[in-house]
Protein backbone atom coordinates (compact mmCIF):
# COMPACT_ATOMS: atom_id res chain seq x y z
CA MET A 1 101.01 81.92 134.37
CA ASN A 2 97.31 81.33 135.10
CA PHE A 3 94.60 81.98 132.53
CA VAL A 4 91.14 80.91 131.46
CA ALA A 5 91.08 79.07 128.13
CA ALA A 6 88.46 79.66 125.42
CA ASP A 7 86.53 76.61 126.67
CA GLY A 8 86.30 78.17 130.16
CA SER A 9 88.81 75.85 131.84
CA ARG A 10 91.46 77.30 134.13
CA GLN A 11 95.00 76.67 132.88
CA THR A 12 98.48 77.07 134.37
CA VAL A 13 101.61 77.25 132.23
CA PRO A 14 105.15 77.86 133.53
CA ALA A 15 106.61 81.05 132.02
CA ASP A 16 109.51 83.44 132.62
CA THR A 17 108.06 86.12 130.35
CA VAL A 18 104.51 86.86 129.21
CA ILE A 19 103.65 89.17 126.30
CA VAL A 20 100.04 90.26 125.88
CA ALA A 21 99.04 91.62 122.47
CA LYS A 22 95.39 92.38 121.96
CA GLY A 23 93.00 94.97 120.68
CA ALA A 24 95.13 96.39 117.87
CA HIS A 25 93.19 98.74 115.64
CA SER A 26 93.90 101.67 113.37
CA ASN A 27 93.23 105.20 114.58
CA LEU A 28 93.07 108.15 112.19
CA ALA A 29 91.98 110.71 114.82
CA LEU A 30 95.30 112.58 114.97
CA ALA A 31 95.71 112.55 111.18
CA ASP A 32 92.16 113.91 110.76
CA THR A 33 92.76 116.61 113.38
CA LEU A 34 95.97 117.72 111.68
CA ARG A 35 94.31 117.73 108.23
CA ASN A 36 91.44 119.81 109.60
CA ALA A 37 94.04 122.26 110.94
CA GLY A 38 95.46 122.65 107.42
CA PHE A 39 98.47 120.31 107.58
CA ASP A 40 99.44 117.99 104.73
CA VAL A 41 99.37 114.52 106.33
CA GLU A 42 100.71 111.19 105.04
CA VAL A 43 99.32 108.19 106.93
CA VAL A 44 101.75 105.26 107.25
CA GLY A 45 102.10 102.10 109.30
CA ASP A 46 99.31 100.76 111.46
CA THR A 47 97.51 104.10 111.47
CA SER A 48 95.81 103.20 108.19
CA GLY A 49 95.21 99.55 109.12
CA VAL A 50 96.86 96.97 111.33
CA GLY A 51 99.43 94.93 109.45
CA TYR A 52 102.95 93.59 109.50
CA ILE A 53 106.21 95.55 109.77
CA GLU A 54 106.86 95.08 106.03
CA GLY A 55 103.72 97.07 105.25
CA ALA A 56 104.74 99.84 107.64
CA VAL A 57 108.19 100.12 106.05
CA ARG A 58 106.75 100.10 102.53
CA GLY A 59 104.24 102.77 103.50
CA ALA A 60 106.95 104.98 104.95
CA VAL A 61 109.12 104.66 101.83
CA ARG A 62 106.14 105.49 99.58
CA ALA A 63 105.31 108.50 101.76
CA ILE A 64 108.87 109.83 101.46
CA LYS A 65 109.82 108.81 97.90
CA GLY A 66 106.42 108.68 96.21
CA GLU A 67 103.76 106.10 95.46
CA ASP A 68 105.80 104.39 92.73
CA ALA A 69 108.92 103.91 94.89
CA ILE A 70 107.82 100.45 96.03
CA PRO A 71 104.94 98.57 94.43
CA PRO A 72 102.16 97.61 96.85
CA LEU A 73 102.05 93.99 98.02
């Protein structure tokens, strides 16, 4: 794989697989649209803020079973 490092130098690294993860951000647009249309919306996972899978699972459980089902981290 060829890339440009932070210092501007060109680098080459042998690789069978490359995963690019960048630009993650939360997006409440759909939730806001649904709320404005009169729906009751529970925001879970990375919609409310980018985090780890544990936070997404905890948020989903709290949305289904109630806020006290799992204490926040």
